[in-house]
Amino acid sequence: TSSEDFQVNQPESSVSAKAGDVITLGCNIPAPSPVGPVLWFKDAKLERKLIYSFNGRQFPRVSQVVNPMANQTDYSIRISDVLPKDVGMYYCVKLTIGHPDMAYIAGPGTYVSVSGVTNEMFKVQQAEISQTVSPGETLTLSCSVPDSFPNGPVLWFKGTGPNRELIYNFQRGLFPRVNQVGNMAKPGNKDFSIRINEISLKDAGMYFCVKFKEGKPDIEYQSGRGTKVTVTGTRNNFVPDTPGRHFLATRGTNWNKNLL
């Protein structure tokens, strides 16, 4: 079969679904066809992600519609429990055998849309616009990162620009007074909130939760809108504000010097 005559047929140009639905993506490949595997990918070129292979490997939520061994032309797949992150273009691709296998021809693609998806589902979310704390208190800064984002670390910074201060890295480093709130070991974790202990006046400022895309080096992918932290007041361990307060404080200092 010549490449001019051979085509991968994806009958649906688009499929619409609601979160939780089951969808079927059709793919038909004429027989006879060149020897080699058939794969499903999401998106194209460098960003493409393997969705399904008919080699017996398990893919969560994705299954074949028919057994290709019984029907050598139908390579349709079924995706269950559709999620917002499933939005995108899906390609059925026929490969030829080689070292490695080389793409032979791809279908025109089927675009999957998920109703009810909002822009917030594709953004780094910082719930609080501002927070006010006093010295000595503990501050929690919320951050939620969609699990549909590319692989890469999440970092917290204070300030912006080249002189911004790294506050927390979930992958490595020691950060006194700062702890993570979410469970990083949990698959699909989206909670990248942090807790800062023993707040002091110098902690006032703007804090940003930033998602990076994995690379050499990692590239900043998206930042949250920021949370403004205001530190007000002082610890409640001073002499009450009375007319004799300054005298008492001064005399106490003199007593300390005499004791030394």
Protein backbone atom coordinates (compact mmCIF):
# COMPACT_ATOMS: atom_id res chain seq x y z
CA THR A 1 0.00 0.00 0.00
CA SER A 2 1.49 3.36 -0.99
CA SER A 3 1.53 6.26 1.44
CA GLU A 4 -0.61 8.26 -1.01
CA ASP A 5 -3.43 5.68 -0.83
CA PHE A 6 -3.05 4.74 2.82
CA GLN A 7 -5.03 6.82 5.33
CA VAL A 8 -5.86 6.62 9.01
CA ASN A 9 -9.54 7.45 9.40
CA GLN A 10 -10.83 9.25 12.49
CA PRO A 11 -14.56 9.69 11.74
CA GLU A 12 -15.27 12.32 14.42
CA SER A 13 -13.54 15.69 14.12
CA SER A 14 -14.75 16.59 17.62
CA VAL A 15 -16.34 14.97 20.67
CA SER A 16 -18.08 16.84 23.50
CA ALA A 17 -18.48 15.46 27.00
CA LYS A 18 -19.21 16.36 30.60
CA ALA A 19 -16.91 15.57 33.49
CA GLY A 20 -17.42 11.94 34.48
CA ASP A 21 -18.70 10.83 31.06
CA VAL A 22 -17.40 7.96 28.94
CA ILE A 23 -16.32 8.87 25.40
CA THR A 24 -15.32 6.82 22.38
CA LEU A 25 -12.67 8.01 19.92
CA GLY A 26 -13.01 6.23 16.61
CA CYS A 27 -10.11 5.09 14.45
CA ASN A 28 -10.15 2.82 11.39
CA ILE A 29 -7.08 1.66 9.49
CA PRO A 30 -7.48 -0.04 6.11
CA ALA A 31 -6.34 -3.61 5.60
CA PRO A 32 -3.82 -4.58 4.49
CA SER A 33 -1.55 -2.07 6.22
CA PRO A 34 2.21 -1.86 6.85
CA VAL A 35 3.52 -4.00 9.71
CA GLY A 36 3.86 -1.96 12.89
CA PRO A 37 2.01 -0.77 15.98
CA VAL A 38 -0.90 1.64 16.31
CA LEU A 39 -0.72 4.27 19.05
CA TRP A 40 -2.98 7.04 20.33
CA PHE A 41 -1.44 10.39 21.26
CA LYS A 42 -2.85 13.56 22.80
CA ASP A 43 -1.63 16.77 21.18
CA ALA A 44 1.14 16.92 18.60
CA LYS A 45 4.88 17.33 18.20
CA LEU A 46 7.01 17.82 21.33
CA GLU A 47 4.04 18.18 23.70
CA ARG A 48 2.34 14.94 22.67
CA LYS A 49 1.44 12.40 25.32
CA LEU A 50 0.95 8.65 24.80
CA ILE A 51 -2.69 7.84 25.56
CA TYR A 52 -2.96 4.20 24.50
CA SER A 53 -0.96 1.36 22.98
CA PHE A 54 -2.50 -1.92 21.76
CA ASN A 55 0.39 -3.98 23.14
CA GLY A 56 -1.32 -5.15 26.33
CA ARG A 57 0.05 -2.39 28.56
CA GLN A 58 -2.44 -0.96 31.06
CA PHE A 59 -3.61 2.65 30.71
CA PRO A 60 -5.85 3.94 33.53
CA ARG A 61 -9.29 5.02 32.26
CA VAL A 62 -8.47 4.05 28.64
CA SER A 63 -9.44 0.77 26.94
CA GLN A 64 -9.82 -0.58 23.42
CA VAL A 65 -13.34 -0.83 21.97
CA VAL A 66 -12.73 -4.09 20.10
CA ASN A 67 -9.92 -6.62 20.02
CA PRO A 68 -7.61 -5.61 17.14
CA MET A 69 -6.57 -9.26 16.78
CA ALA A 70 -10.15 -10.07 15.77
CA ASN A 71 -10.67 -6.92 13.74
CA GLN A 72 -7.52 -5.58 12.12
CA THR A 73 -9.19 -2.34 11.01
CA ASP A 74 -10.83 -0.92 14.17
CA TYR A 75 -8.46 0.79 16.60
CA SER A 76 -11.04 2.87 18.46
CA ILE A 77 -10.54 3.58 22.17
CA ARG A 78 -12.81 4.39 25.09
CA ILE A 79 -11.93 6.95 27.81
CA SER A 80 -13.92 6.65 31.04
CA ASP A 81 -14.49 9.17 33.84
CA VAL A 82 -13.59 12.15 31.65
CA LEU A 83 -11.72 14.94 33.45
CA PRO A 84 -11.12 18.62 32.63
CA LYS A 85 -7.49 17.80 31.86
CA ASP A 86 -8.65 15.51 29.02
CA VAL A 87 -9.43 18.54 26.84
CA GLY A 88 -7.28 18.51 23.70
CA MET A 89 -6.62 16.97 20.28
CA TYR A 90 -6.23 13.18 19.97
CA TYR A 91 -4.41 11.44 17.13
CA CYS A 92 -4.51 7.81 16.02
CA VAL A 93 -1.07 7.04 14.55
CA LYS A 94 0.13 4.07 12.49
CA LEU A 95 3.85 3.30 12.87
CA THR A 96 6.15 1.14 10.77
CA ILE A 97 8.59 -1.31 12.32
CA GLY A 98 12.09 0.07 12.67
CA HIS A 99 14.82 0.91 15.18
CA PRO A 100 13.07 2.79 16.64
CA ASP A 101 9.58 2.49 15.16
CA MET A 102 8.92 5.50 12.92
CA ALA A 103 5.59 7.29 12.47
CA TYR A 104 4.02 6.29 9.18
CA ILE A 105 0.85 8.33 9.05
CA ALA A 106 -1.52 9.96 11.54
CA GLY A 107 -5.23 10.55 11.45
CA PRO A 108 -6.61 14.09 11.14
CA GLY A 109 -7.26 14.23 14.87
CA THR A 110 -10.33 14.40 17.12
CA TYR A 111 -10.78 17.36 19.46
CA VAL A 112 -12.23 16.56 22.88
CA SER A 113 -14.02 19.31 24.80
CA VAL A 114 -15.33 19.02 28.34
CA SER A 115 -18.31 21.20 29.24
CA GLY A 116 -18.22 23.07 32.52
CA VAL A 117 -14.48 23.66 32.29
CA THR A 118 -13.60 27.17 33.46
CA ASN A 119 -10.43 29.19 33.08
CA GLU A 120 -9.76 28.71 36.78
CA MET A 121 -9.16 24.99 36.11
CA PHE A 122 -6.10 25.97 34.08
CA LYS A 123 -4.61 28.49 36.50
CA VAL A 124 -2.42 28.48 39.59
CA GLN A 125 -4.88 29.44 42.31
CA GLN A 126 -3.97 31.48 45.39
CA ALA A 127 -7.15 31.72 47.45
CA GLU A 128 -6.20 34.73 49.56
CA ILE A 129 -5.58 38.16 48.02
CA SER A 130 -4.22 39.42 51.35
CA GLN A 131 -3.57 38.24 54.89
CA THR A 132 -2.79 40.10 58.11
CA VAL A 133 -0.83 38.49 60.96
CA SER A 134 1.04 39.51 64.09
CA PRO A 135 4.64 38.66 65.06
CA GLY A 136 4.96 35.18 66.48
CA GLU A 137 1.88 33.81 64.72
CA THR A 138 1.73 31.09 62.07
CA LEU A 139 0.72 32.01 58.52
CA THR A 140 -0.80 29.62 55.95
CA LEU A 141 -0.54 30.54 52.26
CA SER A 142 -2.89 28.58 49.99
CA CYS A 143 -1.97 27.37 46.51
CA SER A 144 -3.66 24.91 44.15
CA VAL A 145 -1.97 23.80 40.91
CA PRO A 146 -3.93 21.90 38.19
CA ASP A 147 -2.62 18.36 37.68
CA SER A 148 -3.07 18.87 33.93
CA PHE A 149 -0.02 21.15 33.87
CA PRO A 150 3.31 19.87 32.44
CA ASN A 151 5.76 18.10 34.72
CA GLY A 152 7.94 20.40 36.77
CA PRO A 153 8.45 21.81 40.26
CA VAL A 154 6.35 24.30 42.23
CA LEU A 155 8.17 27.04 44.15
CA TRP A 156 7.12 29.85 46.47
CA PHE A 157 8.74 33.28 46.15
CA LYS A 158 8.55 36.55 48.02
CA GLY A 159 8.62 39.50 45.65
CA THR A 160 9.12 39.53 41.87
CA GLY A 161 11.90 39.99 39.36
CA PRO A 162 15.50 38.77 39.45
CA ASN A 163 15.91 39.65 43.15
CA ARG A 164 12.89 37.73 44.39
CA GLU A 165 13.48 35.56 47.45
CA LEU A 166 12.94 31.79 47.32
CA ILE A 167 10.66 30.89 50.23
CA TYR A 168 10.03 27.17 49.60
CA ASN A 169 10.88 24.40 47.14
CA PHE A 170 8.78 21.23 47.43
CA GLN A 171 11.51 19.05 45.90
CA ARG A 172 14.68 19.98 47.75
CA GLY A 173 16.32 22.37 50.18
CA LEU A 174 15.99 23.24 53.86
CA PHE A 175 13.67 26.09 54.74
CA PRO A 176 13.54 26.93 58.46
CA ARG A 177 10.09 27.99 59.65
CA VAL A 178 8.38 26.86 56.41
CA ASN A 179 6.46 23.57 55.99
CA GLN A 180 4.29 22.13 53.25
CA VAL A 181 0.60 21.57 53.91
CA GLY A 182 -0.36 19.24 51.04
CA ASN A 183 0.67 15.59 50.71
CA MET A 184 3.36 15.52 48.02
CA ALA A 185 3.41 11.70 48.00
CA LYS A 186 -0.26 11.49 47.01
CA PRO A 187 -0.80 10.85 43.27
CA GLY A 188 -2.51 13.77 41.58
CA ASN A 189 -1.78 16.12 44.48
CA LYS A 190 -2.86 19.67 43.66
CA ASP A 191 -2.34 21.30 47.07
CA PHE A 192 0.91 23.28 47.25
CA SER A 193 0.01 25.39 50.27
CA ILE A 194 2.70 26.26 52.81
CA ARG A 195 2.80 27.23 56.48
CA ILE A 196 5.27 29.83 57.83
CA ASN A 197 5.93 29.70 61.58
CA GLU A 198 7.12 32.44 63.95
CA ILE A 199 6.18 35.35 61.72
CA SER A 200 8.28 38.51 62.13
CA LEU A 201 8.01 42.04 60.74
CA LYS A 202 10.46 41.23 57.93
CA ASP A 203 7.99 38.65 56.55
CA ALA A 204 5.67 41.38 55.23
CA GLY A 205 5.42 41.45 51.43
CA MET A 206 3.93 39.77 48.33
CA TYR A 207 4.12 35.96 48.05
CA PHE A 208 3.78 34.08 44.76
CA CYS A 209 3.17 30.38 44.09
CA VAL A 210 4.93 29.60 40.79
CA LYS A 211 4.68 26.51 38.57
CA PHE A 212 7.73 25.61 36.47
CA LYS A 213 7.96 23.42 33.38
CA GLU A 214 10.60 20.69 33.53
CA GLY A 215 13.68 21.37 31.43
CA LYS A 216 17.40 22.17 31.48
CA PRO A 217 16.97 24.55 33.17
CA ASP A 218 13.34 24.53 34.34
CA ILE A 219 11.22 27.25 32.73
CA GLU A 220 8.64 29.33 34.59
CA TYR A 221 5.23 28.19 33.34
CA GLN A 222 2.66 30.13 35.35
CA SER A 223 2.45 32.20 38.53
CA GLY A 224 -0.41 32.72 40.93
CA ARG A 225 -1.81 36.23 41.36
CA GLY A 226 0.04 36.68 44.66
CA THR A 227 -0.93 37.10 48.30
CA LYS A 228 -0.06 40.32 50.14
CA VAL A 229 1.06 39.65 53.72
CA THR A 230 0.83 42.45 56.28
CA VAL A 231 2.50 42.05 59.68
CA THR A 232 1.01 44.35 62.25
CA GLY A 233 1.32 44.86 66.00
CA THR A 234 3.87 43.26 68.34
CA ARG A 235 4.04 40.34 70.70
CA ASN A 236 1.88 40.89 73.77
CA ASN A 237 4.75 40.58 76.22
CA PHE A 238 5.56 44.22 76.89
CA VAL A 239 4.71 46.44 79.87
CA PRO A 240 1.13 47.84 79.46
CA ASP A 241 0.88 51.29 77.87
CA THR A 242 0.70 53.47 81.01
CA PRO A 243 2.23 56.87 81.89
CA GLY A 244 4.99 55.11 83.81
CA ARG A 245 5.74 52.57 81.07
CA HIS A 246 8.90 54.30 79.78
CA PHE A 247 10.25 54.74 83.32
CA LEU A 248 9.60 51.07 84.17
CA ALA A 249 11.20 49.85 80.98
CA THR A 250 14.26 52.06 81.52
CA ARG A 251 14.64 51.10 85.16
CA GLY A 252 14.33 47.43 84.17
CA THR A 253 17.17 47.88 81.72
CA ASN A 254 19.33 49.50 84.39
CA TRP A 255 18.61 46.67 86.79
CA ASN A 256 19.70 44.15 84.15
CA LYS A 257 22.96 46.05 83.67
CA ASN A 258 23.58 46.14 87.45
CA LEU A 259 22.96 42.39 87.68
CA LEU A 260 25.57 41.81 84.97
